[in-house]
Amino acid sequence: QGQVVESGGGLVQPGGSLRLSCTASEIIRYGAITRWYRQAPENQREWIASITYSNATNYADAVKGRFTISRDPAKQSVYLQMNNLKPEDTAVYYCTVEGRWGQGTQVTVSS
């Protein structure tokens, strides 16, 4: 088993976009579901999006219509395209698959 590694976070202005990446060998396991969570300061970690082995997707209401989750088996990666970012999207974003978590990547939305 390898690591779950997120990348792509950063500082962006409101209305901007970022694409997060999550790379893990477990992503291509049959039946695996990969999920993105986020945690803002003093808040609980919240689920925001998931994608199944067969590429079925699901989103939390807070991000529906703005975020898109996708999967590239050839790269053992899942992506989270985030558009029209808002200050309330500021958080550490985590990827999890098969019970394994990454270290998180910081997203800050601020002018």
Foldseek 3Di string as FASTA:
>chain_A
DDAWAKDWADEAAAQAKIKMKIADLLLQPPFKKKWKWWDDPPGDIGTAKIATNVGDIDGDPVQPPFWDWGDDNVRRMIMIIGGRDDQVVFTWMWMDMPHHIYPTDTHGYHD
